[in-house]
């Protein structure tokens, strides 16, 4: 049976790929979640460095260098991580590994086969993956009418037919847009979306608001068809709120 797009917290979830290999996993926690993935002998999980929380004694961990062609020149240019961690079960019995979110984030399981083999995510959204998943970084070329920092439009692209786990801050809303349906979203609140969704981005006000600050400064108008995952608390917004509450003499 095909897996759903999204699994709510605390609910067991089973993913079945095209080779009929069943990968069971469970997501624990509320705002800072952990995904536990069961590994049969010879199975493996690829994750971002520093994400391991726990694992059974039979699991082996290895840092792997990512080839430049797979990483993309933008990831090298902006100093993003160019290594991954591979968790492999070489033993004769089943094992497990727990991968944790690095902040107050929820973990979303994404079956890429259900997204046409491709999905765009926010920067650093990728947490870990099972089976056929390739991670690369790309700049959204459709954002031609604005001039924010290039980092704001640096997007992770996940391709393949496997199962990926991505991060979203705060609470998460999933919107399924029909053909021609329009949704306006703050740019920073977009966690992930289909490549079939048309995106138009604009400033909401004069450029001086970008200099002196302003909430909801940049809005994305999304036009279906496609699926959009919206996060209520982007990490950058969360970190800015914390920084604003720290007295200047303590910074």
C-alpha atoms as a PDB file:
ATOM      1  CA  UNK A   1       0.000   0.000   0.000  1.00  0.00           C
ATOM      2  CA  UNK A   2       1.355   3.410  -0.942  1.00  0.00           C
ATOM      3  CA  UNK A   3       2.536   5.589   1.925  1.00  0.00           C
ATOM      4  CA  UNK A   4       0.797   8.910   2.642  1.00  0.00           C
ATOM      5  CA  UNK A   5       2.551  12.212   2.068  1.00  0.00           C
ATOM      6  CA  UNK A   6       2.647  13.159   5.714  1.00  0.00           C
ATOM      7  CA  UNK A   7       2.574  11.299   9.018  1.00  0.00           C
ATOM      8  CA  UNK A   8       1.395  12.963  12.212  1.00  0.00           C
ATOM      9  CA  UNK A   9       3.563  12.723  15.356  1.00  0.00           C
ATOM     10  CA  UNK A  10       3.482   9.524  17.445  1.00  0.00           C
ATOM     11  CA  UNK A  11       1.924   7.536  14.588  1.00  0.00           C
ATOM     12  CA  UNK A  12       3.813   4.472  13.269  1.00  0.00           C
ATOM     13  CA  UNK A  13       4.499   4.732   9.576  1.00  0.00           C
ATOM     14  CA  UNK A  14       5.656   2.163   6.999  1.00  0.00           C
ATOM     15  CA  UNK A  15       7.235   3.036   3.675  1.00  0.00           C
ATOM     16  CA  UNK A  16       7.308   0.572   0.788  1.00  0.00           C
ATOM     17  CA  UNK A  17       9.481   1.284  -2.209  1.00  0.00           C
ATOM     18  CA  UNK A  18       9.351  -0.176  -5.700  1.00  0.00           C
ATOM     19  CA  UNK A  19      11.573  -3.110  -4.732  1.00  0.00           C
ATOM     20  CA  UNK A  20       9.008  -4.234  -2.123  1.00  0.00           C
ATOM     21  CA  UNK A  21      11.472  -3.541   0.689  1.00  0.00           C
ATOM     22  CA  UNK A  22       9.533  -2.320   3.721  1.00  0.00           C
ATOM     23  CA  UNK A  23      11.281   0.304   5.868  1.00  0.00           C
ATOM     24  CA  UNK A  24       9.392   0.846   9.146  1.00  0.00           C
ATOM     25  CA  UNK A  25       9.998   4.007  11.144  1.00  0.00           C
ATOM     26  CA  UNK A  26       8.394   6.022  13.915  1.00  0.00           C
ATOM     27  CA  UNK A  27       8.553   9.728  14.715  1.00  0.00           C
ATOM     28  CA  UNK A  28       8.687  10.653  18.402  1.00  0.00           C
ATOM     29  CA  UNK A  29       8.182  13.936  20.213  1.00  0.00           C
ATOM     30  CA  UNK A  30       6.311  17.171  19.732  1.00  0.00           C
ATOM     31  CA  UNK A  31       8.418  20.198  18.783  1.00  0.00           C
ATOM     32  CA  UNK A  32      11.932  18.709  18.678  1.00  0.00           C
ATOM     33  CA  UNK A  33      11.350  15.344  17.099  1.00  0.00           C
ATOM     34  CA  UNK A  34      13.342  12.161  16.592  1.00  0.00           C
ATOM     35  CA  UNK A  35      12.776   9.611  13.838  1.00  0.00           C
ATOM     36  CA  UNK A  36      13.690   5.987  14.616  1.00  0.00           C
ATOM     37  CA  UNK A  37      14.363   3.945  11.484  1.00  0.00           C
ATOM     38  CA  UNK A  38      14.562   0.158  11.559  1.00  0.00           C
ATOM     39  CA  UNK A  39      17.324  -1.362   9.435  1.00  0.00           C
ATOM     40  CA  UNK A  40      17.389  -4.923   8.203  1.00  0.00           C
ATOM     41  CA  UNK A  41      20.779  -6.553   7.502  1.00  0.00           C
ATOM     42  CA  UNK A  42      22.706  -4.662   4.796  1.00  0.00           C
ATOM     43  CA  UNK A  43      20.304  -1.720   4.802  1.00  0.00           C
ATOM     44  CA  UNK A  44      21.558   1.845   5.333  1.00  0.00           C
ATOM     45  CA  UNK A  45      20.446   5.385   6.131  1.00  0.00           C
ATOM     46  CA  UNK A  46      22.159   8.547   4.894  1.00  0.00           C
ATOM     47  CA  UNK A  47      21.945  11.563   7.220  1.00  0.00           C
ATOM     48  CA  UNK A  48      23.399  15.028   7.715  1.00  0.00           C
ATOM     49  CA  UNK A  49      26.438  15.213  10.057  1.00  0.00           C
ATOM     50  CA  UNK A  50      25.727  15.504  13.769  1.00  0.00           C
ATOM     51  CA  UNK A  51      22.128  14.289  13.531  1.00  0.00           C
ATOM     52  CA  UNK A  52      22.539  10.877  15.214  1.00  0.00           C
ATOM     53  CA  UNK A  53      20.805  10.634  18.593  1.00  0.00           C
ATOM     54  CA  UNK A  54      21.066   6.887  19.304  1.00  0.00           C
ATOM     55  CA  UNK A  55      21.566   3.582  17.510  1.00  0.00           C
ATOM     56  CA  UNK A  56      21.680  -0.116  18.254  1.00  0.00           C
ATOM     57  CA  UNK A  57      25.027  -1.827  18.793  1.00  0.00           C
ATOM     58  CA  UNK A  58      24.984  -3.548  15.425  1.00  0.00           C
ATOM     59  CA  UNK A  59      24.925  -0.292  13.433  1.00  0.00           C
ATOM     60  CA  UNK A  60      28.134   1.095  11.940  1.00  0.00           C
ATOM     61  CA  UNK A  61      28.599   4.813  11.256  1.00  0.00           C
ATOM     62  CA  UNK A  62      30.854   6.305   8.587  1.00  0.00           C
ATOM     63  CA  UNK A  63      31.465   9.846   7.315  1.00  0.00           C
ATOM     64  CA  UNK A  64      31.331  10.031   3.522  1.00  0.00           C
ATOM     65  CA  UNK A  65      32.608  12.865   1.340  1.00  0.00           C
ATOM     66  CA  UNK A  66      30.065  14.129  -1.198  1.00  0.00           C
ATOM     67  CA  UNK A  67      31.370  14.601  -4.719  1.00  0.00           C
ATOM     68  CA  UNK A  68      31.301  18.208  -5.957  1.00  0.00           C
ATOM     69  CA  UNK A  69      28.967  17.340  -8.837  1.00  0.00           C
ATOM     70  CA  UNK A  70      26.411  15.990  -6.365  1.00  0.00           C
ATOM     71  CA  UNK A  71      26.752  18.851  -3.891  1.00  0.00           C
ATOM     72  CA  UNK A  72      26.528  21.658  -6.424  1.00  0.00           C
ATOM     73  CA  UNK A  73      28.710  24.746  -6.716  1.00  0.00           C
ATOM     74  CA  UNK A  74      26.341  26.848  -4.562  1.00  0.00           C
ATOM     75  CA  UNK A  75      26.836  24.549  -1.573  1.00  0.00           C
ATOM     76  CA  UNK A  76      30.602  24.835  -1.885  1.00  0.00           C
ATOM     77  CA  UNK A  77      30.438  28.606  -2.374  1.00  0.00           C
ATOM     78  CA  UNK A  78      28.298  29.239   0.732  1.00  0.00           C
ATOM     79  CA  UNK A  79      30.262  26.841   2.934  1.00  0.00           C
ATOM     80  CA  UNK A  80      27.536  24.235   3.386  1.00  0.00           C
ATOM     81  CA  UNK A  81      28.351  20.755   4.653  1.00  0.00           C
ATOM     82  CA  UNK A  82      29.990  18.581   1.995  1.00  0.00           C
ATOM     83  CA  UNK A  83      29.917  15.334   3.956  1.00  0.00           C
ATOM     84  CA  UNK A  84      27.182  12.899   4.931  1.00  0.00           C
ATOM     85  CA  UNK A  85      26.947  10.197   7.563  1.00  0.00           C
ATOM     86  CA  UNK A  86      26.041   6.671   6.500  1.00  0.00           C
ATOM     87  CA  UNK A  87      24.495   4.305   9.051  1.00  0.00           C
ATOM     88  CA  UNK A  88      24.860   0.714   7.901  1.00  0.00           C
ATOM     89  CA  UNK A  89      23.651  -2.532   9.428  1.00  0.00           C
ATOM     90  CA  UNK A  90      26.243  -5.218   8.589  1.00  0.00           C
ATOM     91  CA  UNK A  91      24.989  -7.703  11.198  1.00  0.00           C
ATOM     92  CA  UNK A  92      22.748 -10.748  10.797  1.00  0.00           C
ATOM     93  CA  UNK A  93      19.851  -9.238  12.804  1.00  0.00           C
ATOM     94  CA  UNK A  94      17.719  -6.092  12.595  1.00  0.00           C
ATOM     95  CA  UNK A  95      18.968  -2.817  14.056  1.00  0.00           C
ATOM     96  CA  UNK A  96      17.806   0.749  14.395  1.00  0.00           C
ATOM     97  CA  UNK A  97      19.067   4.328  14.366  1.00  0.00           C
ATOM     98  CA  UNK A  98      17.517   7.462  15.873  1.00  0.00           C
ATOM     99  CA  UNK A  99      17.988  10.699  13.922  1.00  0.00           C
ATOM    100  CA  UNK A 100      17.138  13.932  15.768  1.00  0.00           C
ATOM    101  CA  UNK A 101      16.054  17.349  14.574  1.00  0.00           C
ATOM    102  CA  UNK A 102      18.765  19.937  15.376  1.00  0.00           C
ATOM    103  CA  UNK A 103      16.259  22.510  16.675  1.00  0.00           C
ATOM    104  CA  UNK A 104      12.584  22.960  17.594  1.00  0.00           C
ATOM    105  CA  UNK A 105      11.467  21.330  14.376  1.00  0.00           C
ATOM    106  CA  UNK A 106       9.128  18.659  13.126  1.00  0.00           C
ATOM    107  CA  UNK A 107      10.283  15.827  10.901  1.00  0.00           C
ATOM    108  CA  UNK A 108       8.293  15.271   7.707  1.00  0.00           C
ATOM    109  CA  UNK A 109       8.550  11.960   5.807  1.00  0.00           C
ATOM    110  CA  UNK A 110       8.485  12.613   2.055  1.00  0.00           C
ATOM    111  CA  UNK A 111       7.904   9.758  -0.383  1.00  0.00           C
ATOM    112  CA  UNK A 112       9.561  11.188  -3.483  1.00  0.00           C
ATOM    113  CA  UNK A 113       7.780   8.702  -5.720  1.00  0.00           C
ATOM    114  CA  UNK A 114       4.564  10.515  -4.780  1.00  0.00           C
ATOM    115  CA  UNK A 115       6.036  13.863  -5.815  1.00  0.00           C
ATOM    116  CA  UNK A 116       7.110  12.858  -9.303  1.00  0.00           C
ATOM    117  CA  UNK A 117      10.634  12.151  -8.067  1.00  0.00           C
ATOM    118  CA  UNK A 118      11.422  15.762  -7.200  1.00  0.00           C
ATOM    119  CA  UNK A 119      10.661  18.338  -4.493  1.00  0.00           C
ATOM    120  CA  UNK A 120      12.051  21.752  -3.522  1.00  0.00           C
ATOM    121  CA  UNK A 121      12.784  22.466   0.162  1.00  0.00           C
ATOM    122  CA  UNK A 122      14.019  25.332   2.310  1.00  0.00           C
ATOM    123  CA  UNK A 123      17.798  25.599   2.855  1.00  0.00           C
ATOM    124  CA  UNK A 124      19.197  22.822   5.091  1.00  0.00           C
ATOM    125  CA  UNK A 125      15.828  21.047   5.237  1.00  0.00           C
ATOM    126  CA  UNK A 126      17.267  17.596   4.514  1.00  0.00           C
ATOM    127  CA  UNK A 127      17.735  15.423   7.609  1.00  0.00           C
ATOM    128  CA  UNK A 128      18.166  11.834   6.362  1.00  0.00           C
ATOM    129  CA  UNK A 129      17.019   9.426   3.673  1.00  0.00           C
ATOM    130  CA  UNK A 130      16.445   5.791   2.808  1.00  0.00           C
ATOM    131  CA  UNK A 131      16.963   4.256  -0.631  1.00  0.00           C
ATOM    132  CA  UNK A 132      17.185   6.402  -3.784  1.00  0.00           C
ATOM    133  CA  UNK A 133      17.467  10.085  -2.744  1.00  0.00           C
ATOM    134  CA  UNK A 134      19.875  12.692  -4.122  1.00  0.00           C
ATOM    135  CA  UNK A 135      20.311  16.095  -2.444  1.00  0.00           C
ATOM    136  CA  UNK A 136      21.481  19.191  -4.304  1.00  0.00           C
ATOM    137  CA  UNK A 137      21.181  22.954  -3.873  1.00  0.00           C
ATOM    138  CA  UNK A 138      19.661  25.319  -6.391  1.00  0.00           C
ATOM    139  CA  UNK A 139      18.691  28.978  -6.635  1.00  0.00           C
ATOM    140  CA  UNK A 140      15.036  29.649  -7.455  1.00  0.00           C
ATOM    141  CA  UNK A 141      15.402  31.351 -10.826  1.00  0.00           C
ATOM    142  CA  UNK A 142      11.755  32.386 -10.795  1.00  0.00           C
ATOM    143  CA  UNK A 143      12.425  35.045  -8.145  1.00  0.00           C
ATOM    144  CA  UNK A 144      13.598  37.673 -10.627  1.00  0.00           C
ATOM    145  CA  UNK A 145      11.673  40.686  -9.376  1.00  0.00           C
ATOM    146  CA  UNK A 146      13.256  40.958  -5.929  1.00  0.00           C
ATOM    147  CA  UNK A 147      16.763  41.507  -4.578  1.00  0.00           C
ATOM    148  CA  UNK A 148      17.113  39.884  -1.149  1.00  0.00           C
ATOM    149  CA  UNK A 149      20.222  38.010  -0.088  1.00  0.00           C
ATOM    150  CA  UNK A 150      20.942  35.067  -2.351  1.00  0.00           C
ATOM    151  CA  UNK A 151      20.734  32.768   0.688  1.00  0.00           C
ATOM    152  CA  UNK A 152      17.015  33.495   0.917  1.00  0.00           C
ATOM    153  CA  UNK A 153      16.401  31.744  -2.399  1.00  0.00           C
ATOM    154  CA  UNK A 154      18.955  28.981  -2.105  1.00  0.00           C
ATOM    155  CA  UNK A 155      16.742  25.877  -2.126  1.00  0.00           C
ATOM    156  CA  UNK A 156      17.507  22.220  -1.577  1.00  0.00           C
ATOM    157  CA  UNK A 157      16.272  19.946  -4.308  1.00  0.00           C
ATOM    158  CA  UNK A 158      15.572  16.298  -3.467  1.00  0.00           C
ATOM    159  CA  UNK A 159      15.335  13.886  -6.390  1.00  0.00           C
ATOM    160  CA  UNK A 160      14.868  10.130  -6.727  1.00  0.00           C
ATOM    161  CA  UNK A 161      12.301   7.513  -5.815  1.00  0.00           C
ATOM    162  CA  UNK A 162      13.202   6.897  -2.171  1.00  0.00           C
ATOM    163  CA  UNK A 163      12.055   8.176   1.216  1.00  0.00           C
ATOM    164  CA  UNK A 164      13.431  11.449   2.583  1.00  0.00           C
ATOM    165  CA  UNK A 165      12.971  13.105   5.967  1.00  0.00           C
ATOM    166  CA  UNK A 166      12.994  16.902   6.011  1.00  0.00           C
ATOM    167  CA  UNK A 167      12.700  19.533   8.756  1.00  0.00           C
ATOM    168  CA  UNK A 168      10.083  22.215   9.319  1.00  0.00           C
ATOM    169  CA  UNK A 169       9.952  24.660  12.229  1.00  0.00           C
ATOM    170  CA  UNK A 170       7.048  24.943  14.654  1.00  0.00           C
ATOM    171  CA  UNK A 171       3.723  23.526  13.518  1.00  0.00           C
ATOM    172  CA  UNK A 172       3.221  22.343   9.938  1.00  0.00           C
ATOM    173  CA  UNK A 173       0.263  22.804   7.601  1.00  0.00           C
ATOM    174  CA  UNK A 174      -0.056  20.799   4.391  1.00  0.00           C
ATOM    175  CA  UNK A 175      -1.956  22.519   1.575  1.00  0.00           C
ATOM    176  CA  UNK A 176      -3.024  20.674  -1.561  1.00  0.00           C
ATOM    177  CA  UNK A 177      -3.521  23.237  -4.329  1.00  0.00           C
ATOM    178  CA  UNK A 178      -5.809  22.437  -7.236  1.00  0.00           C
ATOM    179  CA  UNK A 179      -5.118  23.646 -10.767  1.00  0.00           C
ATOM    180  CA  UNK A 180      -5.215  27.440 -10.729  1.00  0.00           C
ATOM    181  CA  UNK A 181      -5.729  27.683  -6.965  1.00  0.00           C
ATOM    182  CA  UNK A 182      -3.741  30.556  -5.427  1.00  0.00           C
ATOM    183  CA  UNK A 183      -2.185  30.788  -1.966  1.00  0.00           C
ATOM    184  CA  UNK A 184      -0.143  33.682  -0.524  1.00  0.00           C
ATOM    185  CA  UNK A 185       2.576  32.673   1.960  1.00  0.00           C
ATOM    186  CA  UNK A 186       5.399  34.465   3.738  1.00  0.00           C
ATOM    187  CA  UNK A 187       8.538  33.307   1.935  1.00  0.00           C
ATOM    188  CA  UNK A 188      10.263  32.155   5.124  1.00  0.00           C
ATOM    189  CA  UNK A 189       7.279  29.942   6.027  1.00  0.00           C
ATOM    190  CA  UNK A 190       7.605  27.718   2.940  1.00  0.00           C
ATOM    191  CA  UNK A 191       9.165  24.451   4.098  1.00  0.00           C
ATOM    192  CA  UNK A 192       8.746  22.468   0.880  1.00  0.00           C
ATOM    193  CA  UNK A 193       6.666  22.332  -2.294  1.00  0.00           C
ATOM    194  CA  UNK A 194       6.121  20.489  -5.546  1.00  0.00           C
ATOM    195  CA  UNK A 195       8.055  21.693  -8.578  1.00  0.00           C
ATOM    196  CA  UNK A 196       4.658  21.874 -10.322  1.00  0.00           C
ATOM    197  CA  UNK A 197       3.673  24.836  -8.126  1.00  0.00           C
ATOM    198  CA  UNK A 198       4.211  28.202  -9.811  1.00  0.00           C
ATOM    199  CA  UNK A 199       5.940  30.722  -7.526  1.00  0.00           C
ATOM    200  CA  UNK A 200       5.879  34.517  -7.834  1.00  0.00           C
ATOM    201  CA  UNK A 201       7.692  36.538  -5.171  1.00  0.00           C
ATOM    202  CA  UNK A 202       7.319  40.238  -4.409  1.00  0.00           C
ATOM    203  CA  UNK A 203       8.108  42.875  -1.773  1.00  0.00           C
ATOM    204  CA  UNK A 204       5.210  44.156   0.326  1.00  0.00           C
ATOM    205  CA  UNK A 205       6.171  47.785   0.579  1.00  0.00           C
ATOM    206  CA  UNK A 206       9.046  50.173  -0.168  1.00  0.00           C
ATOM    207  CA  UNK A 207      12.634  49.014  -0.210  1.00  0.00           C
ATOM    208  CA  UNK A 208      13.394  51.083   2.919  1.00  0.00           C
ATOM    209  CA  UNK A 209      11.441  48.473   4.934  1.00  0.00           C
ATOM    210  CA  UNK A 210      14.165  45.992   4.016  1.00  0.00           C
ATOM    211  CA  UNK A 211      16.737  48.331   5.581  1.00  0.00           C
ATOM    212  CA  UNK A 212      14.878  49.285   8.761  1.00  0.00           C
ATOM    213  CA  UNK A 213      13.106  45.951   9.235  1.00  0.00           C
ATOM    214  CA  UNK A 214       9.558  44.777   8.708  1.00  0.00           C
ATOM    215  CA  UNK A 215       7.531  41.625   9.193  1.00  0.00           C
ATOM    216  CA  UNK A 216       6.134  39.708   6.220  1.00  0.00           C
ATOM    217  CA  UNK A 217       8.307  41.789   3.926  1.00  0.00           C
ATOM    218  CA  UNK A 218       8.507  39.201   1.150  1.00  0.00           C
ATOM    219  CA  UNK A 219       5.448  37.210   0.093  1.00  0.00           C
ATOM    220  CA  UNK A 220       5.226  34.271  -2.278  1.00  0.00           C
ATOM    221  CA  UNK A 221       2.124  33.799  -4.407  1.00  0.00           C
ATOM    222  CA  UNK A 222       1.760  30.077  -5.072  1.00  0.00           C
ATOM    223  CA  UNK A 223      -0.420  28.769  -7.882  1.00  0.00           C
ATOM    224  CA  UNK A 224      -1.385  25.112  -8.140  1.00  0.00           C
ATOM    225  CA  UNK A 225      -1.426  22.322  -8.911  1.00  0.00           C
ATOM    226  CA  UNK A 226       0.780  20.840  -6.224  1.00  0.00           C
ATOM    227  CA  UNK A 227       1.416  20.331  -2.523  1.00  0.00           C
ATOM    228  CA  UNK A 228       2.926  22.897  -0.158  1.00  0.00           C
ATOM    229  CA  UNK A 229       4.236  22.322   3.383  1.00  0.00           C
ATOM    230  CA  UNK A 230       4.033  25.514   5.475  1.00  0.00           C
ATOM    231  CA  UNK A 231       5.957  25.994   8.729  1.00  0.00           C
ATOM    232  CA  UNK A 232       4.752  28.325  11.473  1.00  0.00           C
ATOM    233  CA  UNK A 233       8.175  29.086  12.983  1.00  0.00           C
ATOM    234  CA  UNK A 234      11.131  29.275  10.558  1.00  0.00           C
ATOM    235  CA  UNK A 235      14.447  28.845  12.355  1.00  0.00           C
ATOM    236  CA  UNK A 236      15.735  32.250  11.236  1.00  0.00           C
ATOM    237  CA  UNK A 237      12.657  33.982  12.677  1.00  0.00           C
ATOM    238  CA  UNK A 238      13.002  31.978  15.893  1.00  0.00           C
ATOM    239  CA  UNK A 239      16.681  32.867  16.291  1.00  0.00           C
ATOM    240  CA  UNK A 240      15.997  36.547  15.597  1.00  0.00           C
ATOM    241  CA  UNK A 241      13.341  36.663  18.324  1.00  0.00           C
ATOM    242  CA  UNK A 242      15.798  35.152  20.823  1.00  0.00           C
ATOM    243  CA  UNK A 243      18.559  37.560  19.794  1.00  0.00           C
ATOM    244  CA  UNK A 244      16.245  40.569  20.172  1.00  0.00           C
ATOM    245  CA  UNK A 245      15.553  39.632  23.811  1.00  0.00           C
ATOM    246  CA  UNK A 246      19.236  39.452  24.755  1.00  0.00           C
ATOM    247  CA  UNK A 247      20.500  42.703  26.287  1.00  0.00           C
ATOM    248  CA  UNK A 248      23.080  44.418  24.091  1.00  0.00           C
ATOM    249  CA  UNK A 249      25.780  44.267  26.788  1.00  0.00           C
ATOM    250  CA  UNK A 250      25.451  40.454  26.891  1.00  0.00           C
ATOM    251  CA  UNK A 251      25.804  39.902  23.143  1.00  0.00           C
END
